[in-house]
N, C-alpha and C. Protein backbone atom coordinates (compact mmCIF):
# COMPACT_ATOMS: atom_id res chain seq x y z
N MET A 1 2.32 18.95 -24.92
CA MET A 1 3.32 19.20 -23.90
C MET A 1 3.96 17.87 -23.52
N LEU A 2 5.27 17.80 -23.60
CA LEU A 2 6.01 16.57 -23.31
C LEU A 2 5.66 16.04 -21.92
N GLY A 3 5.33 14.77 -21.87
CA GLY A 3 5.10 14.11 -20.60
C GLY A 3 3.69 14.23 -20.05
N GLN A 4 2.80 14.89 -20.76
CA GLN A 4 1.43 14.98 -20.27
C GLN A 4 0.80 13.59 -20.36
N VAL A 5 0.20 13.14 -19.26
CA VAL A 5 -0.43 11.82 -19.21
C VAL A 5 -1.94 12.02 -19.09
N ARG A 6 -2.67 11.42 -20.01
CA ARG A 6 -4.14 11.51 -20.00
C ARG A 6 -4.70 10.12 -19.74
N ILE A 7 -5.54 10.02 -18.72
CA ILE A 7 -6.13 8.73 -18.35
C ILE A 7 -7.64 8.84 -18.44
N LYS A 8 -8.27 7.87 -19.09
CA LYS A 8 -9.72 7.86 -19.21
C LYS A 8 -10.25 6.58 -18.56
N VAL A 9 -11.06 6.78 -17.52
CA VAL A 9 -11.67 5.66 -16.80
C VAL A 9 -13.14 5.59 -17.22
N PRO A 10 -13.66 4.41 -17.55
CA PRO A 10 -15.06 4.32 -17.94
C PRO A 10 -16.00 4.68 -16.78
N ALA A 11 -17.13 5.25 -17.11
CA ALA A 11 -18.13 5.60 -16.09
C ALA A 11 -18.87 4.34 -15.65
N GLY A 12 -19.36 4.35 -14.43
CA GLY A 12 -20.20 3.27 -13.94
C GLY A 12 -19.51 1.94 -13.74
N ILE A 13 -18.30 1.95 -13.21
CA ILE A 13 -17.59 0.70 -12.94
C ILE A 13 -18.24 0.01 -11.74
N ALA A 14 -18.58 -1.26 -11.90
CA ALA A 14 -19.15 -2.02 -10.78
C ALA A 14 -18.01 -2.56 -9.92
N ARG A 15 -18.21 -2.51 -8.60
CA ARG A 15 -17.20 -3.01 -7.67
C ARG A 15 -16.90 -4.48 -7.98
N GLY A 16 -15.62 -4.80 -8.11
CA GLY A 16 -15.20 -6.17 -8.38
C GLY A 16 -15.12 -6.51 -9.86
N SER A 17 -15.57 -5.61 -10.72
CA SER A 17 -15.53 -5.90 -12.16
C SER A 17 -14.18 -5.49 -12.75
N VAL A 18 -13.91 -5.99 -13.94
CA VAL A 18 -12.68 -5.63 -14.64
C VAL A 18 -12.99 -4.41 -15.51
N ALA A 19 -12.24 -3.35 -15.28
CA ALA A 19 -12.41 -2.11 -16.05
C ALA A 19 -11.23 -1.96 -16.99
N ARG A 20 -11.47 -1.34 -18.12
CA ARG A 20 -10.40 -1.07 -19.09
C ARG A 20 -10.15 0.43 -19.12
N VAL A 21 -8.97 0.80 -18.67
CA VAL A 21 -8.58 2.21 -18.61
C VAL A 21 -7.72 2.51 -19.84
N ARG A 22 -7.97 3.65 -20.45
CA ARG A 22 -7.15 4.07 -21.59
C ARG A 22 -6.22 5.18 -21.14
N VAL A 23 -4.97 5.10 -21.58
CA VAL A 23 -3.98 6.11 -21.18
C VAL A 23 -3.11 6.47 -22.38
N VAL A 24 -2.80 7.77 -22.47
CA VAL A 24 -1.92 8.30 -23.51
C VAL A 24 -0.86 9.14 -22.84
N CYS A 25 0.38 9.01 -23.28
CA CYS A 25 1.47 9.86 -22.79
C CYS A 25 2.04 10.63 -23.97
N ILE A 26 2.05 11.95 -23.85
CA ILE A 26 2.60 12.79 -24.92
C ILE A 26 4.13 12.71 -24.86
N HIS A 27 4.71 12.08 -25.88
CA HIS A 27 6.15 11.82 -25.87
C HIS A 27 6.61 11.56 -27.31
N PRO A 28 7.77 12.07 -27.73
CA PRO A 28 8.21 11.89 -29.11
C PRO A 28 8.63 10.46 -29.49
N ASN A 29 9.06 9.67 -28.52
CA ASN A 29 9.50 8.29 -28.77
C ASN A 29 10.35 8.18 -30.03
N GLU A 30 11.57 8.64 -29.92
CA GLU A 30 12.48 8.60 -31.07
C GLU A 30 12.70 7.16 -31.53
N ARG A 31 12.74 7.00 -32.82
CA ARG A 31 13.03 5.68 -33.40
C ARG A 31 14.50 5.62 -33.80
N VAL A 32 15.03 4.43 -33.85
CA VAL A 32 16.43 4.25 -34.21
C VAL A 32 16.63 4.69 -35.67
N GLU A 33 17.58 5.58 -35.87
CA GLU A 33 17.91 6.05 -37.21
C GLU A 33 18.97 5.14 -37.82
N ARG A 34 18.92 4.99 -39.13
CA ARG A 34 19.89 4.14 -39.82
C ARG A 34 20.53 4.91 -40.96
N GLN A 35 21.81 4.64 -41.14
CA GLN A 35 22.57 5.18 -42.27
C GLN A 35 23.40 4.04 -42.83
N GLY A 36 23.24 3.78 -44.10
CA GLY A 36 24.00 2.70 -44.72
C GLY A 36 23.71 1.34 -44.11
N GLY A 37 22.48 1.14 -43.63
CA GLY A 37 22.09 -0.14 -43.05
C GLY A 37 22.50 -0.35 -41.60
N LYS A 38 23.20 0.64 -41.01
CA LYS A 38 23.64 0.52 -39.61
C LYS A 38 22.97 1.59 -38.77
N SER A 39 22.71 1.26 -37.50
CA SER A 39 22.08 2.25 -36.61
C SER A 39 23.05 3.37 -36.29
N VAL A 40 22.48 4.57 -36.23
CA VAL A 40 23.25 5.75 -35.86
C VAL A 40 23.44 5.71 -34.36
N ASP A 41 24.68 5.84 -33.91
CA ASP A 41 24.99 5.76 -32.48
C ASP A 41 24.64 7.07 -31.79
N LYS A 42 23.55 7.06 -31.01
CA LYS A 42 23.17 8.22 -30.22
C LYS A 42 22.27 7.76 -29.08
N ASN A 43 22.04 8.63 -28.13
CA ASN A 43 21.21 8.29 -26.98
C ASN A 43 19.75 8.62 -27.33
N TYR A 44 19.03 7.63 -27.82
CA TYR A 44 17.64 7.83 -28.24
C TYR A 44 16.74 8.04 -27.04
N ARG A 45 15.73 8.89 -27.22
CA ARG A 45 14.78 9.16 -26.15
C ARG A 45 13.47 8.46 -26.48
N PHE A 46 13.14 7.46 -25.65
CA PHE A 46 11.86 6.77 -25.82
C PHE A 46 11.42 6.21 -24.47
N ILE A 47 10.13 5.96 -24.35
CA ILE A 47 9.58 5.38 -23.12
C ILE A 47 10.01 3.92 -23.08
N ASN A 48 10.64 3.53 -21.97
CA ASN A 48 11.12 2.15 -21.87
C ASN A 48 10.46 1.38 -20.73
N ARG A 49 9.62 2.05 -19.94
CA ARG A 49 8.96 1.35 -18.83
C ARG A 49 7.68 2.08 -18.44
N VAL A 50 6.64 1.30 -18.12
CA VAL A 50 5.36 1.84 -17.65
C VAL A 50 4.97 1.05 -16.41
N VAL A 51 4.62 1.76 -15.33
CA VAL A 51 4.20 1.10 -14.09
C VAL A 51 2.78 1.57 -13.76
N VAL A 52 1.90 0.61 -13.45
CA VAL A 52 0.52 0.91 -13.09
C VAL A 52 0.33 0.54 -11.63
N SER A 53 -0.16 1.51 -10.83
CA SER A 53 -0.40 1.28 -9.39
C SER A 53 -1.87 1.56 -9.08
N TYR A 54 -2.45 0.71 -8.25
CA TYR A 54 -3.84 0.89 -7.81
C TYR A 54 -3.87 0.67 -6.31
N LEU A 55 -4.44 1.61 -5.61
CA LEU A 55 -4.53 1.56 -4.14
C LEU A 55 -3.15 1.45 -3.51
N GLY A 56 -2.16 2.09 -4.14
CA GLY A 56 -0.80 2.11 -3.59
C GLY A 56 0.05 0.89 -3.88
N ARG A 57 -0.48 -0.07 -4.65
CA ARG A 57 0.28 -1.28 -4.99
C ARG A 57 0.50 -1.35 -6.50
N ASP A 58 1.68 -1.77 -6.90
CA ASP A 58 1.94 -1.95 -8.33
C ASP A 58 1.16 -3.17 -8.81
N ILE A 59 0.37 -2.98 -9.86
CA ILE A 59 -0.42 -4.09 -10.39
C ILE A 59 0.03 -4.52 -11.79
N ALA A 60 0.85 -3.68 -12.44
CA ALA A 60 1.37 -4.04 -13.76
C ALA A 60 2.63 -3.26 -14.04
N GLU A 61 3.54 -3.90 -14.76
CA GLU A 61 4.76 -3.23 -15.20
C GLU A 61 5.04 -3.69 -16.63
N LEU A 62 5.23 -2.71 -17.52
CA LEU A 62 5.47 -3.01 -18.93
C LEU A 62 6.84 -2.49 -19.33
N ASP A 63 7.61 -3.32 -20.00
CA ASP A 63 8.89 -2.89 -20.57
C ASP A 63 8.63 -2.67 -22.06
N THR A 64 8.99 -1.49 -22.55
CA THR A 64 8.72 -1.16 -23.95
C THR A 64 10.04 -0.87 -24.68
N SER A 65 9.93 -0.66 -25.98
CA SER A 65 11.12 -0.40 -26.79
C SER A 65 10.82 0.69 -27.81
N THR A 66 11.73 0.89 -28.73
CA THR A 66 11.53 1.91 -29.76
C THR A 66 10.43 1.52 -30.74
N SER A 67 9.89 0.33 -30.63
CA SER A 67 8.86 -0.12 -31.57
C SER A 67 7.52 0.57 -31.35
N ILE A 68 7.30 1.21 -30.19
CA ILE A 68 6.05 1.95 -30.01
C ILE A 68 6.23 3.35 -30.57
N GLY A 69 5.15 3.90 -31.10
CA GLY A 69 5.23 5.18 -31.79
C GLY A 69 5.14 6.38 -30.88
N GLU A 70 5.11 7.53 -31.52
CA GLU A 70 4.97 8.81 -30.83
C GLU A 70 3.63 8.85 -30.09
N ASN A 71 3.61 9.46 -28.91
CA ASN A 71 2.41 9.59 -28.07
C ASN A 71 1.73 8.23 -27.86
N PRO A 72 2.42 7.29 -27.23
CA PRO A 72 1.88 5.94 -27.10
C PRO A 72 0.60 5.89 -26.27
N ALA A 73 -0.30 5.01 -26.71
CA ALA A 73 -1.57 4.80 -26.02
C ALA A 73 -1.66 3.33 -25.61
N PHE A 74 -2.18 3.10 -24.42
CA PHE A 74 -2.34 1.75 -23.90
C PHE A 74 -3.76 1.59 -23.35
N THR A 75 -4.29 0.39 -23.42
CA THR A 75 -5.52 0.03 -22.73
C THR A 75 -5.12 -0.97 -21.66
N ILE A 76 -5.43 -0.63 -20.41
CA ILE A 76 -4.97 -1.44 -19.29
C ILE A 76 -6.17 -1.96 -18.50
N PRO A 77 -6.37 -3.28 -18.46
CA PRO A 77 -7.46 -3.84 -17.65
C PRO A 77 -7.01 -4.01 -16.19
N PHE A 78 -7.94 -3.75 -15.27
CA PHE A 78 -7.66 -4.00 -13.85
C PHE A 78 -8.99 -4.24 -13.14
N ARG A 79 -8.93 -4.93 -12.00
CA ARG A 79 -10.13 -5.21 -11.23
C ARG A 79 -10.35 -4.09 -10.22
N ALA A 80 -11.48 -3.41 -10.34
CA ALA A 80 -11.81 -2.28 -9.47
C ALA A 80 -12.48 -2.80 -8.19
N THR A 81 -11.69 -3.01 -7.15
CA THR A 81 -12.21 -3.60 -5.92
C THR A 81 -12.77 -2.59 -4.93
N GLU A 82 -12.20 -1.39 -4.92
CA GLU A 82 -12.67 -0.35 -4.00
C GLU A 82 -12.23 1.02 -4.49
N PRO A 83 -12.83 2.08 -3.96
CA PRO A 83 -12.44 3.43 -4.39
C PRO A 83 -11.00 3.72 -4.02
N GLY A 84 -10.31 4.43 -4.90
CA GLY A 84 -8.93 4.80 -4.62
C GLY A 84 -8.20 5.25 -5.86
N PRO A 85 -6.95 5.66 -5.68
CA PRO A 85 -6.19 6.20 -6.81
C PRO A 85 -5.61 5.12 -7.72
N LEU A 86 -5.66 5.41 -9.01
CA LEU A 86 -4.99 4.61 -10.03
C LEU A 86 -3.92 5.52 -10.61
N LYS A 87 -2.66 5.12 -10.48
CA LYS A 87 -1.55 5.95 -10.95
C LYS A 87 -0.79 5.20 -12.04
N ILE A 88 -0.51 5.91 -13.13
CA ILE A 88 0.25 5.33 -14.22
C ILE A 88 1.48 6.20 -14.44
N THR A 89 2.66 5.56 -14.38
CA THR A 89 3.93 6.27 -14.47
C THR A 89 4.71 5.76 -15.68
N PHE A 90 5.18 6.70 -16.49
CA PHE A 90 6.00 6.40 -17.67
C PHE A 90 7.43 6.84 -17.38
N PHE A 91 8.40 6.02 -17.76
CA PHE A 91 9.82 6.34 -17.60
C PHE A 91 10.46 6.33 -18.98
N ASP A 92 11.38 7.27 -19.24
CA ASP A 92 12.06 7.23 -20.53
C ASP A 92 13.57 7.04 -20.36
N THR A 93 14.25 6.85 -21.47
CA THR A 93 15.67 6.53 -21.46
C THR A 93 16.56 7.70 -21.07
N HIS A 94 16.00 8.89 -20.92
CA HIS A 94 16.77 10.05 -20.47
C HIS A 94 16.55 10.31 -18.98
N GLY A 95 15.90 9.38 -18.29
CA GLY A 95 15.70 9.50 -16.85
C GLY A 95 14.48 10.30 -16.45
N SER A 96 13.65 10.70 -17.41
CA SER A 96 12.44 11.46 -17.09
C SER A 96 11.34 10.53 -16.62
N ARG A 97 10.45 11.09 -15.81
CA ARG A 97 9.34 10.34 -15.24
C ARG A 97 8.08 11.18 -15.44
N PHE A 98 7.03 10.56 -15.97
CA PHE A 98 5.78 11.26 -16.24
C PHE A 98 4.64 10.48 -15.59
N GLU A 99 3.82 11.16 -14.77
CA GLU A 99 2.77 10.48 -14.01
C GLU A 99 1.40 11.08 -14.27
N GLY A 100 0.42 10.21 -14.17
CA GLY A 100 -0.97 10.63 -14.20
C GLY A 100 -1.71 9.82 -13.15
N THR A 101 -2.64 10.47 -12.45
CA THR A 101 -3.41 9.79 -11.41
C THR A 101 -4.88 10.14 -11.56
N VAL A 102 -5.74 9.15 -11.42
CA VAL A 102 -7.19 9.37 -11.41
C VAL A 102 -7.77 8.65 -10.21
N GLU A 103 -8.91 9.12 -9.77
CA GLU A 103 -9.61 8.49 -8.66
C GLU A 103 -10.62 7.51 -9.26
N VAL A 104 -10.53 6.25 -8.87
CA VAL A 104 -11.45 5.22 -9.33
C VAL A 104 -12.56 5.11 -8.29
N LYS A 105 -13.82 5.12 -8.76
CA LYS A 105 -14.96 5.09 -7.83
C LYS A 105 -15.96 4.01 -8.24
N PRO A 106 -15.63 2.75 -7.96
CA PRO A 106 -16.58 1.69 -8.31
C PRO A 106 -17.82 1.76 -7.42
N SER A 107 -18.96 1.38 -8.00
CA SER A 107 -20.22 1.43 -7.23
C SER A 107 -20.65 0.05 -6.78
């Protein structure tokens, strides 16, 4: 399903430690088509920005391009300081926004 965001947080995160979260966004990520060595002029649909928020604050922002493939996956490190929401938002070139949120519970 287009725009489905799956986030996997490791179990047993210690408070203050750096955790590596894995995230996948279901998206076609169109690549630039070429004809006769020139790009075909059209409005390509691909994820061009990813924002990671933890405890309501943006902690990372990634600008991407057509070089990432279909259903892109990222591993994102962050310091788990206290329990709270981790939200990852994907934006594409057609103005769509896809979000996933998980509750982080460091011990």
